[in-house]
Amino acid sequence: FIPHAETCRNQEALVVRIAEIIASYRICGPDDRYEDVYKPRLLETLQYFVSNNKEINLVVPAYPFKSPNREDKVQGPDPDVGERLSLEHLNSLGARITQIYPGGAQITIVSDGCCYNDLLGVSDEVTYRYTEGLHRIVDRLGLRHIRFADPFDLLDGAPSVPVSEEKYVSRIDDLKERLFRGCSGEKPQTLDHNATLTYRGYIRFLMSDLATFYQKKKVSKSAIKKHSAVVARVMIERGQVFSALVAAASPPHVRLSIHAGDNTNKLSVALLPQKRFSNFPVTPWHNTPCLEANQVSVS
């Protein structure tokens, strides 16, 4: 029994170390509940992987498409240095875990562009090309701890994943109809704390993402706020449907989130190197990288 007890102790210590690595990527807001709520769940999940010598799977729905505001926020529709930095940052999470755990770790990115692109006037073609650009970055840099899952992968009974832009465009409307039927944004809904934070963030981003559209249409400030609120509610509804699909279709996993939250049912993480205790996540599809002439670091 002594060797068995020692093995258990070693496993517990390893699980704690892996959890510390994962937690070092988290975003901590003023209402952070990681220590008392999420950490015990994380340790339990990691214990399952380690005791069965399985690869640790961390899942994050993210990387939809570049902001449609290409005058003030981004320089174009394609992934750039910002996406490269963020993918390298996420890959480092898997690499650090693999250094201490032979089973290794993978970060599965589920692109959620189909949830929102039509709401922001971004075409299916542009959404597809953005995701393909991410694949090329990962392949070119050999980021072996990053993998991708497609909504077509997740939806039960869906045909094989489209392998071309033409096939994707021809089938994505049917997938959206199956997923988001009934998401209207017309009825007010009760939101929990995390959903409320996301909702407010959506409104803020919508007002900047669609700024050029609003200017061209000469939309009043009150109409902008009203329209942004309606679209944000639809985004919340679709996001909840998509999150449920990810949870149901994915094998055992550690659920990561790019949205600020209190770290209760999923872990908010930074996609770019930034101050750890920031509650404002920076995402590369809403920003443009900047390299100052007298520095070597990119912000």
C-alpha atoms as a PDB file:
ATOM      1  CA  PHE A   1       0.000   0.000   0.000  1.00  0.00           C
ATOM      2  CA  ILE A   2       2.916   2.391   0.540  1.00  0.00           C
ATOM      3  CA  PRO A   3       3.894   2.637  -3.173  1.00  0.00           C
ATOM      4  CA  HIS A   4       0.243   3.210  -4.070  1.00  0.00           C
ATOM      5  CA  ALA A   5      -0.064   5.972  -1.488  1.00  0.00           C
ATOM      6  CA  GLU A   6       3.113   7.591  -2.785  1.00  0.00           C
ATOM      7  CA  THR A   7       1.779   7.445  -6.351  1.00  0.00           C
ATOM      8  CA  CYS A   8      -1.417   9.167  -5.239  1.00  0.00           C
ATOM      9  CA  ARG A   9       0.546  11.894  -3.508  1.00  0.00           C
ATOM     10  CA  ASN A  10       2.696  12.416  -6.598  1.00  0.00           C
ATOM     11  CA  GLN A  11      -0.407  12.609  -8.777  1.00  0.00           C
ATOM     12  CA  GLU A  12      -2.051  15.122  -6.480  1.00  0.00           C
ATOM     13  CA  ALA A  13       1.075  17.287  -6.505  1.00  0.00           C
ATOM     14  CA  LEU A  14       1.226  17.102 -10.306  1.00  0.00           C
ATOM     15  CA  VAL A  15      -2.447  18.061 -10.620  1.00  0.00           C
ATOM     16  CA  VAL A  16      -1.885  21.092  -8.396  1.00  0.00           C
ATOM     17  CA  ARG A  17       1.115  22.182 -10.490  1.00  0.00           C
ATOM     18  CA  ILE A  18      -0.881  21.871 -13.739  1.00  0.00           C
ATOM     19  CA  ALA A  19      -3.726  23.876 -12.211  1.00  0.00           C
ATOM     20  CA  GLU A  20      -1.257  26.601 -11.223  1.00  0.00           C
ATOM     21  CA  ILE A  21      -0.011  26.829 -14.819  1.00  0.00           C
ATOM     22  CA  ILE A  22      -3.554  27.115 -16.184  1.00  0.00           C
ATOM     23  CA  ALA A  23      -4.561  29.649 -13.542  1.00  0.00           C
ATOM     24  CA  SER A  24      -1.579  31.850 -14.417  1.00  0.00           C
ATOM     25  CA  TYR A  25      -3.319  32.635 -17.741  1.00  0.00           C
ATOM     26  CA  ARG A  26      -6.590  33.667 -16.136  1.00  0.00           C
ATOM     27  CA  ILE A  27      -8.202  37.081 -16.020  1.00  0.00           C
ATOM     28  CA  CYS A  28      -9.040  38.185 -12.485  1.00  0.00           C
ATOM     29  CA  GLY A  29     -11.797  40.725 -12.040  1.00  0.00           C
ATOM     30  CA  PRO A  30     -12.993  42.257  -8.786  1.00  0.00           C
ATOM     31  CA  ASP A  31     -15.522  39.429  -8.273  1.00  0.00           C
ATOM     32  CA  ASP A  32     -13.100  36.581  -8.996  1.00  0.00           C
ATOM     33  CA  ARG A  33     -14.257  33.260  -7.508  1.00  0.00           C
ATOM     34  CA  TYR A  34     -11.474  31.058  -8.833  1.00  0.00           C
ATOM     35  CA  GLU A  35     -10.039  29.946  -5.501  1.00  0.00           C
ATOM     36  CA  ASP A  36     -13.275  28.984  -3.759  1.00  0.00           C
ATOM     37  CA  VAL A  37     -15.494  27.923  -6.692  1.00  0.00           C
ATOM     38  CA  TYR A  38     -13.678  27.012  -9.894  1.00  0.00           C
ATOM     39  CA  LYS A  39     -10.375  25.660  -8.571  1.00  0.00           C
ATOM     40  CA  PRO A  40     -11.914  22.579  -6.876  1.00  0.00           C
ATOM     41  CA  ARG A  41     -13.717  21.729 -10.151  1.00  0.00           C
ATOM     42  CA  LEU A  42     -10.546  22.275 -12.146  1.00  0.00           C
ATOM     43  CA  LEU A  43      -8.552  19.999  -9.838  1.00  0.00           C
ATOM     44  CA  GLU A  44     -11.214  17.288 -10.164  1.00  0.00           C
ATOM     45  CA  THR A  45     -11.139  17.498 -13.969  1.00  0.00           C
ATOM     46  CA  LEU A  46      -7.347  17.460 -14.094  1.00  0.00           C
ATOM     47  CA  GLN A  47      -7.297  14.499 -11.703  1.00  0.00           C
ATOM     48  CA  TYR A  48      -9.372  12.550 -14.227  1.00  0.00           C
ATOM     49  CA  PHE A  49      -6.868  13.252 -17.015  1.00  0.00           C
ATOM     50  CA  VAL A  50      -3.773  12.556 -14.934  1.00  0.00           C
ATOM     51  CA  SER A  51      -5.031   9.386 -13.236  1.00  0.00           C
ATOM     52  CA  ASN A  52      -5.920   7.963 -16.656  1.00  0.00           C
ATOM     53  CA  ASN A  53      -2.750   9.320 -18.303  1.00  0.00           C
ATOM     54  CA  LYS A  54      -4.887  11.139 -20.879  1.00  0.00           C
ATOM     55  CA  GLU A  55      -4.040  14.231 -22.853  1.00  0.00           C
ATOM     56  CA  ILE A  56      -5.493  17.301 -21.154  1.00  0.00           C
ATOM     57  CA  ASN A  57      -8.034  19.009 -23.396  1.00  0.00           C
ATOM     58  CA  LEU A  58      -8.721  22.721 -22.924  1.00  0.00           C
ATOM     59  CA  VAL A  59     -11.559  24.122 -25.059  1.00  0.00           C
ATOM     60  CA  VAL A  60     -12.157  27.770 -25.960  1.00  0.00           C
ATOM     61  CA  PRO A  61     -14.804  29.143 -28.363  1.00  0.00           C
ATOM     62  CA  ALA A  62     -13.078  32.130 -29.976  1.00  0.00           C
ATOM     63  CA  TYR A  63     -11.546  33.712 -33.092  1.00  0.00           C
ATOM     64  CA  PRO A  64     -14.753  34.609 -34.999  1.00  0.00           C
ATOM     65  CA  PHE A  65     -13.521  37.156 -37.595  1.00  0.00           C
ATOM     66  CA  LYS A  66     -11.888  40.566 -37.750  1.00  0.00           C
ATOM     67  CA  SER A  67     -13.927  43.575 -36.666  1.00  0.00           C
ATOM     68  CA  PRO A  68     -15.817  45.094 -39.614  1.00  0.00           C
ATOM     69  CA  ASN A  69     -14.537  48.523 -38.533  1.00  0.00           C
ATOM     70  CA  ARG A  70     -11.398  48.706 -40.665  1.00  0.00           C
ATOM     71  CA  GLU A  71     -10.956  52.436 -40.248  1.00  0.00           C
ATOM     72  CA  ASP A  72     -10.534  52.669 -36.474  1.00  0.00           C
ATOM     73  CA  LYS A  73      -9.925  49.169 -35.097  1.00  0.00           C
ATOM     74  CA  VAL A  74      -8.229  46.737 -37.512  1.00  0.00           C
ATOM     75  CA  GLN A  75      -6.354  46.968 -40.796  1.00  0.00           C
ATOM     76  CA  GLY A  76      -8.149  44.273 -42.746  1.00  0.00           C
ATOM     77  CA  PRO A  77     -10.158  41.027 -42.672  1.00  0.00           C
ATOM     78  CA  ASP A  78      -7.246  38.591 -42.360  1.00  0.00           C
ATOM     79  CA  PRO A  79      -5.337  37.309 -39.312  1.00  0.00           C
ATOM     80  CA  ASP A  80      -2.208  39.344 -38.611  1.00  0.00           C
ATOM     81  CA  VAL A  81       0.551  39.664 -36.028  1.00  0.00           C
ATOM     82  CA  GLY A  82      -2.093  39.934 -33.288  1.00  0.00           C
ATOM     83  CA  GLU A  83      -3.490  36.485 -34.072  1.00  0.00           C
ATOM     84  CA  ARG A  84       0.019  35.076 -34.338  1.00  0.00           C
ATOM     85  CA  LEU A  85       0.928  36.425 -30.904  1.00  0.00           C
ATOM     86  CA  SER A  86      -2.273  35.111 -29.341  1.00  0.00           C
ATOM     87  CA  LEU A  87      -1.942  31.648 -30.878  1.00  0.00           C
ATOM     88  CA  GLU A  88       1.658  31.474 -29.664  1.00  0.00           C
ATOM     89  CA  HIS A  89       0.456  32.565 -26.218  1.00  0.00           C
ATOM     90  CA  LEU A  90      -2.187  29.824 -26.074  1.00  0.00           C
ATOM     91  CA  ASN A  91       0.272  27.269 -27.432  1.00  0.00           C
ATOM     92  CA  SER A  92       2.651  28.143 -24.597  1.00  0.00           C
ATOM     93  CA  LEU A  93      -0.031  27.010 -22.143  1.00  0.00           C
ATOM     94  CA  GLY A  94      -0.064  23.532 -23.673  1.00  0.00           C
ATOM     95  CA  ALA A  95       3.735  23.502 -23.931  1.00  0.00           C
ATOM     96  CA  ARG A  96       4.231  24.415 -20.259  1.00  0.00           C
ATOM     97  CA  ILE A  97       1.861  21.661 -19.142  1.00  0.00           C
ATOM     98  CA  THR A  98       3.610  19.124 -21.389  1.00  0.00           C
ATOM     99  CA  GLN A  99       6.945  19.990 -19.790  1.00  0.00           C
ATOM    100  CA  ILE A 100       5.776  18.507 -16.495  1.00  0.00           C
ATOM    101  CA  TYR A 101       3.064  16.058 -17.631  1.00  0.00           C
ATOM    102  CA  PRO A 102       3.912  13.263 -20.100  1.00  0.00           C
ATOM    103  CA  GLY A 103       0.303  12.995 -21.226  1.00  0.00           C
ATOM    104  CA  GLY A 104       0.545  16.451 -22.764  1.00  0.00           C
ATOM    105  CA  ALA A 105      -2.097  19.097 -23.361  1.00  0.00           C
ATOM    106  CA  GLN A 106      -3.992  20.549 -26.296  1.00  0.00           C
ATOM    107  CA  ILE A 107      -5.970  23.760 -26.625  1.00  0.00           C
ATOM    108  CA  THR A 108      -8.988  23.197 -28.881  1.00  0.00           C
ATOM    109  CA  ILE A 109     -10.226  26.381 -30.545  1.00  0.00           C
ATOM    110  CA  VAL A 110     -13.846  26.246 -31.667  1.00  0.00           C
ATOM    111  CA  SER A 111     -14.339  29.088 -34.120  1.00  0.00           C
ATOM    112  CA  ASP A 112     -17.627  30.825 -33.312  1.00  0.00           C
ATOM    113  CA  GLY A 113     -17.743  33.152 -36.302  1.00  0.00           C
ATOM    114  CA  CYS A 114     -20.956  31.597 -37.604  1.00  0.00           C
ATOM    115  CA  CYS A 115     -22.710  32.747 -34.416  1.00  0.00           C
ATOM    116  CA  TYR A 116     -22.293  36.426 -35.107  1.00  0.00           C
ATOM    117  CA  ASN A 117     -21.027  37.273 -38.593  1.00  0.00           C
ATOM    118  CA  ASP A 118     -24.426  38.014 -40.158  1.00  0.00           C
ATOM    119  CA  LEU A 119     -25.293  40.293 -37.222  1.00  0.00           C
ATOM    120  CA  LEU A 120     -22.245  42.464 -37.919  1.00  0.00           C
ATOM    121  CA  GLY A 121     -22.421  42.442 -41.706  1.00  0.00           C
ATOM    122  CA  VAL A 122     -19.459  40.096 -42.175  1.00  0.00           C
ATOM    123  CA  SER A 123     -19.909  37.624 -45.029  1.00  0.00           C
ATOM    124  CA  ASP A 124     -19.619  33.854 -44.706  1.00  0.00           C
ATOM    125  CA  GLU A 125     -16.758  33.963 -47.217  1.00  0.00           C
ATOM    126  CA  VAL A 126     -14.748  36.404 -45.091  1.00  0.00           C
ATOM    127  CA  THR A 127     -15.474  34.347 -41.959  1.00  0.00           C
ATOM    128  CA  TYR A 128     -14.230  31.169 -43.644  1.00  0.00           C
ATOM    129  CA  ARG A 129     -11.048  32.844 -44.928  1.00  0.00           C
ATOM    130  CA  TYR A 130     -10.246  34.211 -41.471  1.00  0.00           C
ATOM    131  CA  THR A 131     -10.391  30.714 -39.982  1.00  0.00           C
ATOM    132  CA  GLU A 132      -8.286  29.321 -42.813  1.00  0.00           C
ATOM    133  CA  GLY A 133      -5.719  32.026 -42.079  1.00  0.00           C
ATOM    134  CA  LEU A 134      -5.519  30.832 -38.472  1.00  0.00           C
ATOM    135  CA  HIS A 135      -4.865  27.283 -39.674  1.00  0.00           C
ATOM    136  CA  ARG A 136      -2.010  28.523 -41.856  1.00  0.00           C
ATOM    137  CA  ILE A 137      -0.403  30.367 -38.934  1.00  0.00           C
ATOM    138  CA  VAL A 138      -0.549  27.269 -36.733  1.00  0.00           C
ATOM    139  CA  ASP A 139       0.855  25.058 -39.497  1.00  0.00           C
ATOM    140  CA  ARG A 140       3.609  27.491 -40.476  1.00  0.00           C
ATOM    141  CA  LEU A 141       4.805  28.019 -36.903  1.00  0.00           C
ATOM    142  CA  GLY A 142       4.379  24.384 -35.860  1.00  0.00           C
ATOM    143  CA  LEU A 143       2.153  25.209 -32.892  1.00  0.00           C
ATOM    144  CA  ARG A 144       1.559  21.586 -31.981  1.00  0.00           C
ATOM    145  CA  HIS A 145      -0.533  22.311 -28.876  1.00  0.00           C
ATOM    146  CA  ILE A 146      -3.245  24.107 -30.866  1.00  0.00           C
ATOM    147  CA  ARG A 147      -6.009  22.329 -32.743  1.00  0.00           C
ATOM    148  CA  PHE A 148      -9.295  23.468 -34.245  1.00  0.00           C
ATOM    149  CA  ALA A 149     -12.857  22.188 -34.089  1.00  0.00           C
ATOM    150  CA  ASP A 150     -15.510  23.265 -36.554  1.00  0.00           C
ATOM    151  CA  PRO A 151     -19.203  23.774 -35.733  1.00  0.00           C
ATOM    152  CA  PHE A 152     -19.877  21.067 -38.318  1.00  0.00           C
ATOM    153  CA  ASP A 153     -17.736  18.762 -36.164  1.00  0.00           C
ATOM    154  CA  LEU A 154     -19.896  19.400 -33.131  1.00  0.00           C
ATOM    155  CA  LEU A 155     -23.443  19.310 -34.446  1.00  0.00           C
ATOM    156  CA  ASP A 156     -24.861  15.816 -34.089  1.00  0.00           C
ATOM    157  CA  GLY A 157     -25.854  14.316 -37.407  1.00  0.00           C
ATOM    158  CA  ALA A 158     -24.123  16.963 -39.474  1.00  0.00           C
ATOM    159  CA  PRO A 159     -22.374  15.822 -42.656  1.00  0.00           C
ATOM    160  CA  SER A 160     -18.603  15.860 -42.917  1.00  0.00           C
ATOM    161  CA  VAL A 161     -16.780  19.133 -42.361  1.00  0.00           C
ATOM    162  CA  PRO A 162     -16.652  21.373 -45.471  1.00  0.00           C
ATOM    163  CA  VAL A 163     -13.202  21.357 -47.049  1.00  0.00           C
ATOM    164  CA  SER A 164     -13.625  24.384 -49.293  1.00  0.00           C
ATOM    165  CA  GLU A 165     -14.989  27.900 -49.062  1.00  0.00           C
ATOM    166  CA  GLU A 166     -17.677  27.109 -51.629  1.00  0.00           C
ATOM    167  CA  LYS A 167     -18.977  24.099 -49.685  1.00  0.00           C
ATOM    168  CA  TYR A 168     -18.855  25.996 -46.401  1.00  0.00           C
ATOM    169  CA  VAL A 169     -20.889  28.893 -47.800  1.00  0.00           C
ATOM    170  CA  SER A 170     -23.443  26.536 -49.346  1.00  0.00           C
ATOM    171  CA  ARG A 171     -24.110  24.756 -46.042  1.00  0.00           C
ATOM    172  CA  ILE A 172     -23.586  27.278 -43.263  1.00  0.00           C
ATOM    173  CA  ASP A 173     -27.072  28.801 -43.502  1.00  0.00           C
ATOM    174  CA  ASP A 174     -28.657  25.417 -42.822  1.00  0.00           C
ATOM    175  CA  LEU A 175     -26.398  24.894 -39.810  1.00  0.00           C
ATOM    176  CA  LYS A 176     -27.289  28.344 -38.433  1.00  0.00           C
ATOM    177  CA  GLU A 177     -30.983  27.638 -38.900  1.00  0.00           C
ATOM    178  CA  ARG A 178     -30.688  24.378 -36.980  1.00  0.00           C
ATOM    179  CA  LEU A 179     -28.686  25.976 -34.192  1.00  0.00           C
ATOM    180  CA  PHE A 180     -30.191  29.406 -33.735  1.00  0.00           C
ATOM    181  CA  ARG A 181     -33.839  28.999 -34.612  1.00  0.00           C
ATOM    182  CA  GLY A 182     -35.753  31.045 -32.059  1.00  0.00           C
ATOM    183  CA  CYS A 183     -32.917  33.435 -31.155  1.00  0.00           C
ATOM    184  CA  SER A 184     -34.632  36.752 -31.821  1.00  0.00           C
ATOM    185  CA  GLY A 185     -33.380  39.120 -29.129  1.00  0.00           C
ATOM    186  CA  GLU A 186     -36.868  40.582 -28.889  1.00  0.00           C
ATOM    187  CA  LYS A 187     -37.785  39.344 -25.437  1.00  0.00           C
ATOM    188  CA  PRO A 188     -35.952  40.645 -22.378  1.00  0.00           C
ATOM    189  CA  GLN A 189     -34.200  37.922 -20.473  1.00  0.00           C
ATOM    190  CA  THR A 190     -32.790  37.527 -17.002  1.00  0.00           C
ATOM    191  CA  LEU A 191     -29.008  37.318 -17.171  1.00  0.00           C
ATOM    192  CA  ASP A 192     -26.676  35.998 -14.520  1.00  0.00           C
ATOM    193  CA  HIS A 193     -23.595  37.979 -13.474  1.00  0.00           C
ATOM    194  CA  ASN A 194     -21.286  36.600 -16.148  1.00  0.00           C
ATOM    195  CA  ALA A 195     -23.856  36.945 -18.942  1.00  0.00           C
ATOM    196  CA  THR A 196     -24.490  40.532 -17.866  1.00  0.00           C
ATOM    197  CA  LEU A 197     -20.780  41.330 -18.134  1.00  0.00           C
ATOM    198  CA  THR A 198     -20.671  39.751 -21.598  1.00  0.00           C
ATOM    199  CA  TYR A 199     -23.834  41.596 -22.654  1.00  0.00           C
ATOM    200  CA  ARG A 200     -22.380  44.958 -21.645  1.00  0.00           C
ATOM    201  CA  GLY A 201     -19.146  44.097 -23.414  1.00  0.00           C
ATOM    202  CA  TYR A 202     -21.060  43.223 -26.583  1.00  0.00           C
ATOM    203  CA  ILE A 203     -22.827  46.586 -26.560  1.00  0.00           C
ATOM    204  CA  ARG A 204     -19.524  48.404 -26.156  1.00  0.00           C
ATOM    205  CA  PHE A 205     -17.902  46.455 -28.991  1.00  0.00           C
ATOM    206  CA  LEU A 206     -20.933  46.776 -31.262  1.00  0.00           C
ATOM    207  CA  MET A 207     -20.937  50.546 -30.953  1.00  0.00           C
ATOM    208  CA  SER A 208     -17.300  50.602 -32.102  1.00  0.00           C
ATOM    209  CA  ASP A 209     -17.446  47.700 -34.575  1.00  0.00           C
ATOM    210  CA  LEU A 210     -20.410  49.235 -36.385  1.00  0.00           C
ATOM    211  CA  ALA A 211     -19.290  52.840 -35.965  1.00  0.00           C
ATOM    212  CA  THR A 212     -18.598  53.386 -39.663  1.00  0.00           C
ATOM    213  CA  PHE A 213     -21.952  51.804 -40.562  1.00  0.00           C
ATOM    214  CA  TYR A 214     -23.775  54.072 -38.119  1.00  0.00           C
ATOM    215  CA  GLN A 215     -21.949  57.136 -39.452  1.00  0.00           C
ATOM    216  CA  LYS A 216     -22.820  56.385 -43.074  1.00  0.00           C
ATOM    217  CA  LYS A 217     -26.468  55.828 -42.174  1.00  0.00           C
ATOM    218  CA  LYS A 218     -26.451  58.930 -39.935  1.00  0.00           C
ATOM    219  CA  VAL A 219     -27.998  56.977 -37.079  1.00  0.00           C
ATOM    220  CA  SER A 220     -28.822  58.947 -33.942  1.00  0.00           C
ATOM    221  CA  LYS A 221     -27.135  58.162 -30.624  1.00  0.00           C
ATOM    222  CA  SER A 222     -30.348  56.856 -29.098  1.00  0.00           C
ATOM    223  CA  ALA A 223     -31.004  54.636 -32.128  1.00  0.00           C
ATOM    224  CA  ILE A 224     -27.422  53.319 -31.974  1.00  0.00           C
ATOM    225  CA  LYS A 225     -27.845  52.297 -28.338  1.00  0.00           C
ATOM    226  CA  LYS A 226     -31.211  50.661 -29.041  1.00  0.00           C
ATOM    227  CA  HIS A 227     -29.945  48.733 -32.064  1.00  0.00           C
ATOM    228  CA  SER A 228     -26.761  47.652 -30.252  1.00  0.00           C
ATOM    229  CA  ALA A 229     -28.806  46.374 -27.299  1.00  0.00           C
ATOM    230  CA  VAL A 230     -31.065  44.268 -29.541  1.00  0.00           C
ATOM    231  CA  VAL A 231     -28.108  42.785 -31.434  1.00  0.00           C
ATOM    232  CA  ALA A 232     -26.276  42.128 -28.162  1.00  0.00           C
ATOM    233  CA  ARG A 233     -29.258  40.156 -26.844  1.00  0.00           C
ATOM    234  CA  VAL A 234     -29.270  38.011 -29.990  1.00  0.00           C
ATOM    235  CA  MET A 235     -25.527  37.467 -29.564  1.00  0.00           C
ATOM    236  CA  ILE A 236     -26.058  36.396 -25.962  1.00  0.00           C
ATOM    237  CA  GLU A 237     -28.776  33.927 -26.993  1.00  0.00           C
ATOM    238  CA  ARG A 238     -26.704  32.477 -29.802  1.00  0.00           C
ATOM    239  CA  GLY A 239     -23.641  32.306 -27.586  1.00  0.00           C
ATOM    240  CA  GLN A 240     -25.540  30.323 -24.968  1.00  0.00           C
ATOM    241  CA  VAL A 241     -26.783  27.882 -27.623  1.00  0.00           C
ATOM    242  CA  PHE A 242     -23.273  27.512 -29.009  1.00  0.00           C
ATOM    243  CA  SER A 243     -21.763  27.035 -25.540  1.00  0.00           C
ATOM    244  CA  ALA A 244     -24.275  24.268 -24.821  1.00  0.00           C
ATOM    245  CA  LEU A 245     -23.306  22.596 -28.107  1.00  0.00           C
ATOM    246  CA  VAL A 246     -19.605  22.815 -27.249  1.00  0.00           C
ATOM    247  CA  ALA A 247     -20.232  21.363 -23.780  1.00  0.00           C
ATOM    248  CA  ALA A 248     -22.370  18.504 -25.087  1.00  0.00           C
ATOM    249  CA  ALA A 249     -20.244  17.588 -28.089  1.00  0.00           C
ATOM    250  CA  SER A 250     -16.771  17.887 -26.584  1.00  0.00           C
ATOM    251  CA  PRO A 251     -15.090  15.068 -24.675  1.00  0.00           C
ATOM    252  CA  PRO A 252     -14.053  15.794 -21.057  1.00  0.00           C
ATOM    253  CA  HIS A 253     -12.360  19.164 -21.099  1.00  0.00           C
ATOM    254  CA  VAL A 254     -11.350  22.303 -19.226  1.00  0.00           C
ATOM    255  CA  ARG A 255     -13.606  25.097 -20.482  1.00  0.00           C
ATOM    256  CA  LEU A 256     -11.854  28.385 -21.138  1.00  0.00           C
ATOM    257  CA  SER A 257     -13.542  31.699 -21.947  1.00  0.00           C
ATOM    258  CA  ILE A 258     -12.310  34.904 -23.584  1.00  0.00           C
ATOM    259  CA  HIS A 259     -14.939  37.005 -21.791  1.00  0.00           C
ATOM    260  CA  ALA A 260     -14.469  38.640 -18.421  1.00  0.00           C
ATOM    261  CA  GLY A 261     -16.278  36.721 -15.698  1.00  0.00           C
ATOM    262  CA  ASP A 262     -16.102  35.660 -12.088  1.00  0.00           C
ATOM    263  CA  ASN A 263     -14.453  32.292 -12.838  1.00  0.00           C
ATOM    264  CA  THR A 264     -17.210  30.096 -11.501  1.00  0.00           C
ATOM    265  CA  ASN A 265     -18.319  27.732 -14.268  1.00  0.00           C
ATOM    266  CA  LYS A 266     -15.503  28.443 -16.753  1.00  0.00           C
ATOM    267  CA  LEU A 267     -12.106  30.089 -16.642  1.00  0.00           C
ATOM    268  CA  SER A 268     -11.605  33.504 -18.214  1.00  0.00           C
ATOM    269  CA  VAL A 269      -8.197  33.645 -19.891  1.00  0.00           C
ATOM    270  CA  ALA A 270      -6.131  36.277 -21.657  1.00  0.00           C
ATOM    271  CA  LEU A 271      -5.454  35.620 -25.337  1.00  0.00           C
ATOM    272  CA  LEU A 272      -2.489  37.976 -25.340  1.00  0.00           C
ATOM    273  CA  PRO A 273       0.278  38.555 -22.814  1.00  0.00           C
ATOM    274  CA  GLN A 274      -1.069  41.273 -20.552  1.00  0.00           C
ATOM    275  CA  LYS A 275      -1.379  42.208 -16.919  1.00  0.00           C
ATOM    276  CA  ARG A 276      -2.696  39.122 -15.150  1.00  0.00           C
ATOM    277  CA  PHE A 277      -5.135  40.972 -12.923  1.00  0.00           C
ATOM    278  CA  SER A 278      -6.858  42.831 -15.727  1.00  0.00           C
ATOM    279  CA  ASN A 279     -10.589  42.353 -16.175  1.00  0.00           C
ATOM    280  CA  PHE A 280     -10.607  43.796 -19.704  1.00  0.00           C
ATOM    281  CA  PRO A 281      -9.664  41.000 -22.128  1.00  0.00           C
ATOM    282  CA  VAL A 282      -7.786  42.115 -25.221  1.00  0.00           C
ATOM    283  CA  THR A 283      -8.614  40.124 -28.360  1.00  0.00           C
ATOM    284  CA  PRO A 284      -6.629  40.412 -31.619  1.00  0.00           C
ATOM    285  CA  TRP A 285      -9.719  40.613 -33.828  1.00  0.00           C
ATOM    286  CA  HIS A 286     -10.796  43.861 -32.121  1.00  0.00           C
ATOM    287  CA  ASN A 287      -7.370  45.507 -32.089  1.00  0.00           C
ATOM    288  CA  THR A 288      -4.298  46.292 -34.162  1.00  0.00           C
ATOM    289  CA  PRO A 289      -0.805  45.315 -32.961  1.00  0.00           C
ATOM    290  CA  CYS A 290       1.622  48.169 -32.349  1.00  0.00           C
ATOM    291  CA  LEU A 291       5.429  48.040 -32.297  1.00  0.00           C
ATOM    292  CA  GLU A 292       7.075  51.215 -31.050  1.00  0.00           C
ATOM    293  CA  ALA A 293      10.275  52.163 -32.834  1.00  0.00           C
ATOM    294  CA  ASN A 294      12.408  52.225 -29.679  1.00  0.00           C
ATOM    295  CA  GLN A 295      11.107  48.947 -28.235  1.00  0.00           C
ATOM    296  CA  VAL A 296      11.226  45.276 -29.114  1.00  0.00           C
ATOM    297  CA  SER A 297       7.877  44.303 -27.650  1.00  0.00           C
ATOM    298  CA  VAL A 298       4.536  44.387 -29.415  1.00  0.00           C
ATOM    299  CA  SER A 299       1.398  45.748 -27.731  1.00  0.00           C
END
